[in-house]
Amino acid sequence: MKSTSELTLSQKQKLKNTPQTSLFAIFSAVVLPIWLIILLPLTIIYLIITKILSLLGLRKQKVPKSPAEIDSSSMEATKVPKDEREFDLVIYGATGFTGNFLCEYLAKNYYLIVC
């Protein structure tokens, strides 16, 4: 393969118009300015405001991300006694593909316990 100094003018033009070059040009001309002018300052402002609100104690408590972060005392306050519950088991997504399999399995294996 020839080096860039050995290429003819038409070959250099073809090399300049490769998809990588045009993709970089689009990124440099459109995406980067939008990110620098709009998204980056908004992100910085959001982080500053949330930090100030959390320092002042005005920010809502964050939702726990995992079961390990849940305090057991808060769960006890919201727990409904078994005899007052309307349902024993609630299946979210029962109309979906996997939920359908779960419903069939429960109906087949635990029908006598429920009915």
C-alpha atoms as a PDB file:
ATOM      1  CA  MET A   1       0.000   0.000   0.000  1.00  0.00           C
ATOM      2  CA  LYS A   2       1.240   3.461  -0.853  1.00  0.00           C
ATOM      3  CA  SER A   3       1.844   6.114   1.782  1.00  0.00           C
ATOM      4  CA  THR A   4      -0.273   9.283   1.720  1.00  0.00           C
ATOM      5  CA  SER A   5       2.506  11.315   0.129  1.00  0.00           C
ATOM      6  CA  GLU A   6       2.604   8.927  -2.876  1.00  0.00           C
ATOM      7  CA  LEU A   7      -1.161   9.095  -3.580  1.00  0.00           C
ATOM      8  CA  THR A   8      -2.554  11.123  -6.444  1.00  0.00           C
ATOM      9  CA  LEU A   9      -4.915  14.043  -5.884  1.00  0.00           C
ATOM     10  CA  SER A  10      -8.038  12.016  -6.792  1.00  0.00           C
ATOM     11  CA  GLN A  11      -7.002   9.220  -4.444  1.00  0.00           C
ATOM     12  CA  LYS A  12      -6.532  11.730  -1.632  1.00  0.00           C
ATOM     13  CA  GLN A  13     -10.049  13.116  -2.297  1.00  0.00           C
ATOM     14  CA  LYS A  14     -11.524   9.604  -2.077  1.00  0.00           C
ATOM     15  CA  LEU A  15      -9.633   9.024   1.163  1.00  0.00           C
ATOM     16  CA  LYS A  16     -11.011  12.261   2.626  1.00  0.00           C
ATOM     17  CA  ASN A  17     -14.615  11.251   1.833  1.00  0.00           C
ATOM     18  CA  THR A  18     -14.564   7.923   3.636  1.00  0.00           C
ATOM     19  CA  PRO A  19     -17.509   7.203   5.998  1.00  0.00           C
ATOM     20  CA  GLN A  20     -15.262   7.554   9.048  1.00  0.00           C
ATOM     21  CA  THR A  21     -14.262  11.061   8.033  1.00  0.00           C
ATOM     22  CA  SER A  22     -17.838  12.172   7.393  1.00  0.00           C
ATOM     23  CA  LEU A  23     -19.030  10.571  10.635  1.00  0.00           C
ATOM     24  CA  PHE A  24     -16.354  12.443  12.549  1.00  0.00           C
ATOM     25  CA  ALA A  25     -17.324  15.669  10.784  1.00  0.00           C
ATOM     26  CA  ILE A  26     -20.995  15.193  11.732  1.00  0.00           C
ATOM     27  CA  PHE A  27     -20.038  14.440  15.312  1.00  0.00           C
ATOM     28  CA  SER A  28     -17.754  17.483  15.498  1.00  0.00           C
ATOM     29  CA  ALA A  29     -20.236  19.837  13.873  1.00  0.00           C
ATOM     30  CA  VAL A  30     -23.523  18.703  15.475  1.00  0.00           C
ATOM     31  CA  VAL A  31     -23.264  16.380  18.468  1.00  0.00           C
ATOM     32  CA  LEU A  32     -20.304  17.920  20.252  1.00  0.00           C
ATOM     33  CA  PRO A  33     -21.640  21.518  20.262  1.00  0.00           C
ATOM     34  CA  ILE A  34     -25.067  20.367  21.465  1.00  0.00           C
ATOM     35  CA  TRP A  35     -23.430  18.418  24.265  1.00  0.00           C
ATOM     36  CA  LEU A  36     -21.134  21.291  25.243  1.00  0.00           C
ATOM     37  CA  ILE A  37     -23.724  24.071  25.044  1.00  0.00           C
ATOM     38  CA  ILE A  38     -26.878  22.355  26.347  1.00  0.00           C
ATOM     39  CA  LEU A  39     -26.411  19.000  28.052  1.00  0.00           C
ATOM     40  CA  LEU A  40     -23.203  19.575  29.983  1.00  0.00           C
ATOM     41  CA  PRO A  41     -24.324  22.847  31.651  1.00  0.00           C
ATOM     42  CA  LEU A  42     -27.748  21.376  32.483  1.00  0.00           C
ATOM     43  CA  THR A  43     -26.100  18.361  34.094  1.00  0.00           C
ATOM     44  CA  ILE A  44     -23.791  20.563  36.131  1.00  0.00           C
ATOM     45  CA  ILE A  45     -26.708  22.774  37.266  1.00  0.00           C
ATOM     46  CA  TYR A  46     -28.760  19.700  38.232  1.00  0.00           C
ATOM     47  CA  LEU A  47     -25.903  18.278  40.303  1.00  0.00           C
ATOM     48  CA  ILE A  48     -25.334  21.600  42.067  1.00  0.00           C
ATOM     49  CA  ILE A  49     -29.052  22.021  42.877  1.00  0.00           C
ATOM     50  CA  THR A  50     -29.428  18.473  44.201  1.00  0.00           C
ATOM     51  CA  LYS A  51     -26.330  18.889  46.363  1.00  0.00           C
ATOM     52  CA  ILE A  52     -27.663  22.152  47.825  1.00  0.00           C
ATOM     53  CA  LEU A  53     -31.094  20.622  48.481  1.00  0.00           C
ATOM     54  CA  SER A  54     -29.588  17.578  50.171  1.00  0.00           C
ATOM     55  CA  LEU A  55     -27.409  19.804  52.373  1.00  0.00           C
ATOM     56  CA  LEU A  56     -30.469  21.836  53.377  1.00  0.00           C
ATOM     57  CA  GLY A  57     -32.495  18.684  54.003  1.00  0.00           C
ATOM     58  CA  LEU A  58     -35.133  19.589  51.416  1.00  0.00           C
ATOM     59  CA  ARG A  59     -34.430  16.714  49.057  1.00  0.00           C
ATOM     60  CA  LYS A  60     -36.687  13.652  49.184  1.00  0.00           C
ATOM     61  CA  GLN A  61     -35.192  10.463  50.515  1.00  0.00           C
ATOM     62  CA  LYS A  62     -33.776   8.301  47.798  1.00  0.00           C
ATOM     63  CA  VAL A  63     -35.428   5.022  46.946  1.00  0.00           C
ATOM     64  CA  PRO A  64     -33.359   1.989  47.990  1.00  0.00           C
ATOM     65  CA  LYS A  65     -31.702   0.308  45.041  1.00  0.00           C
ATOM     66  CA  SER A  66     -31.321  -3.146  46.494  1.00  0.00           C
ATOM     67  CA  PRO A  67     -33.029  -5.259  49.174  1.00  0.00           C
ATOM     68  CA  ALA A  68     -29.906  -4.899  51.346  1.00  0.00           C
ATOM     69  CA  GLU A  69     -30.528  -1.131  51.618  1.00  0.00           C
ATOM     70  CA  ILE A  70     -34.122  -1.559  52.879  1.00  0.00           C
ATOM     71  CA  ASP A  71     -34.583  -0.998  56.602  1.00  0.00           C
ATOM     72  CA  SER A  72     -36.642  -3.792  58.184  1.00  0.00           C
ATOM     73  CA  SER A  73     -38.443  -1.380  60.532  1.00  0.00           C
ATOM     74  CA  SER A  74     -39.897   0.561  57.588  1.00  0.00           C
ATOM     75  CA  MET A  75     -41.149  -2.696  56.085  1.00  0.00           C
ATOM     76  CA  GLU A  76     -42.954  -3.649  59.297  1.00  0.00           C
ATOM     77  CA  ALA A  77     -44.920  -0.387  59.242  1.00  0.00           C
ATOM     78  CA  THR A  78     -46.338  -1.090  55.772  1.00  0.00           C
ATOM     79  CA  LYS A  79     -46.940  -4.821  56.183  1.00  0.00           C
ATOM     80  CA  VAL A  80     -50.596  -5.940  56.065  1.00  0.00           C
ATOM     81  CA  PRO A  81     -51.569  -8.910  58.276  1.00  0.00           C
ATOM     82  CA  LYS A  82     -52.224 -12.133  56.323  1.00  0.00           C
ATOM     83  CA  ASP A  83     -55.883 -12.418  57.283  1.00  0.00           C
ATOM     84  CA  GLU A  84     -56.580  -8.875  55.981  1.00  0.00           C
ATOM     85  CA  ARG A  85     -54.892  -9.350  52.595  1.00  0.00           C
ATOM     86  CA  GLU A  86     -57.055  -9.498  49.496  1.00  0.00           C
ATOM     87  CA  PHE A  87     -54.593 -11.711  47.562  1.00  0.00           C
ATOM     88  CA  ASP A  88     -52.065 -14.301  48.674  1.00  0.00           C
ATOM     89  CA  LEU A  89     -49.954 -13.961  45.563  1.00  0.00           C
ATOM     90  CA  VAL A  90     -49.664 -11.193  42.977  1.00  0.00           C
ATOM     91  CA  ILE A  91     -47.973 -11.916  39.664  1.00  0.00           C
ATOM     92  CA  TYR A  92     -46.780  -8.850  37.777  1.00  0.00           C
ATOM     93  CA  GLY A  93     -46.423  -9.396  34.052  1.00  0.00           C
ATOM     94  CA  ALA A  94     -48.739 -12.406  33.961  1.00  0.00           C
ATOM     95  CA  THR A  95     -49.835 -11.552  30.421  1.00  0.00           C
ATOM     96  CA  GLY A  96     -46.261 -11.637  29.138  1.00  0.00           C
ATOM     97  CA  PHE A  97     -44.356 -14.601  27.771  1.00  0.00           C
ATOM     98  CA  THR A  98     -42.586 -15.626  30.992  1.00  0.00           C
ATOM     99  CA  GLY A  99     -45.517 -14.657  33.204  1.00  0.00           C
ATOM    100  CA  ASN A 100     -47.716 -17.007  31.201  1.00  0.00           C
ATOM    101  CA  PHE A 101     -45.357 -19.890  31.974  1.00  0.00           C
ATOM    102  CA  LEU A 102     -45.423 -18.982  35.660  1.00  0.00           C
ATOM    103  CA  CYS A 103     -49.231 -18.934  35.731  1.00  0.00           C
ATOM    104  CA  GLU A 104     -49.434 -22.298  33.990  1.00  0.00           C
ATOM    105  CA  TYR A 105     -46.911 -23.763  36.422  1.00  0.00           C
ATOM    106  CA  LEU A 106     -48.761 -22.444  39.462  1.00  0.00           C
ATOM    107  CA  ALA A 107     -52.118 -23.643  38.115  1.00  0.00           C
ATOM    108  CA  LYS A 108     -50.740 -27.103  37.399  1.00  0.00           C
ATOM    109  CA  ASN A 109     -48.756 -27.640  40.612  1.00  0.00           C
ATOM    110  CA  TYR A 110     -50.630 -25.642  43.249  1.00  0.00           C
ATOM    111  CA  TYR A 111     -54.250 -25.851  42.071  1.00  0.00           C
ATOM    112  CA  LEU A 112     -55.411 -28.037  44.979  1.00  0.00           C
ATOM    113  CA  ILE A 113     -53.759 -25.803  47.582  1.00  0.00           C
ATOM    114  CA  VAL A 114     -55.468 -22.665  46.274  1.00  0.00           C
ATOM    115  CA  CYS A 115     -58.949 -24.022  45.483  1.00  0.00           C
END
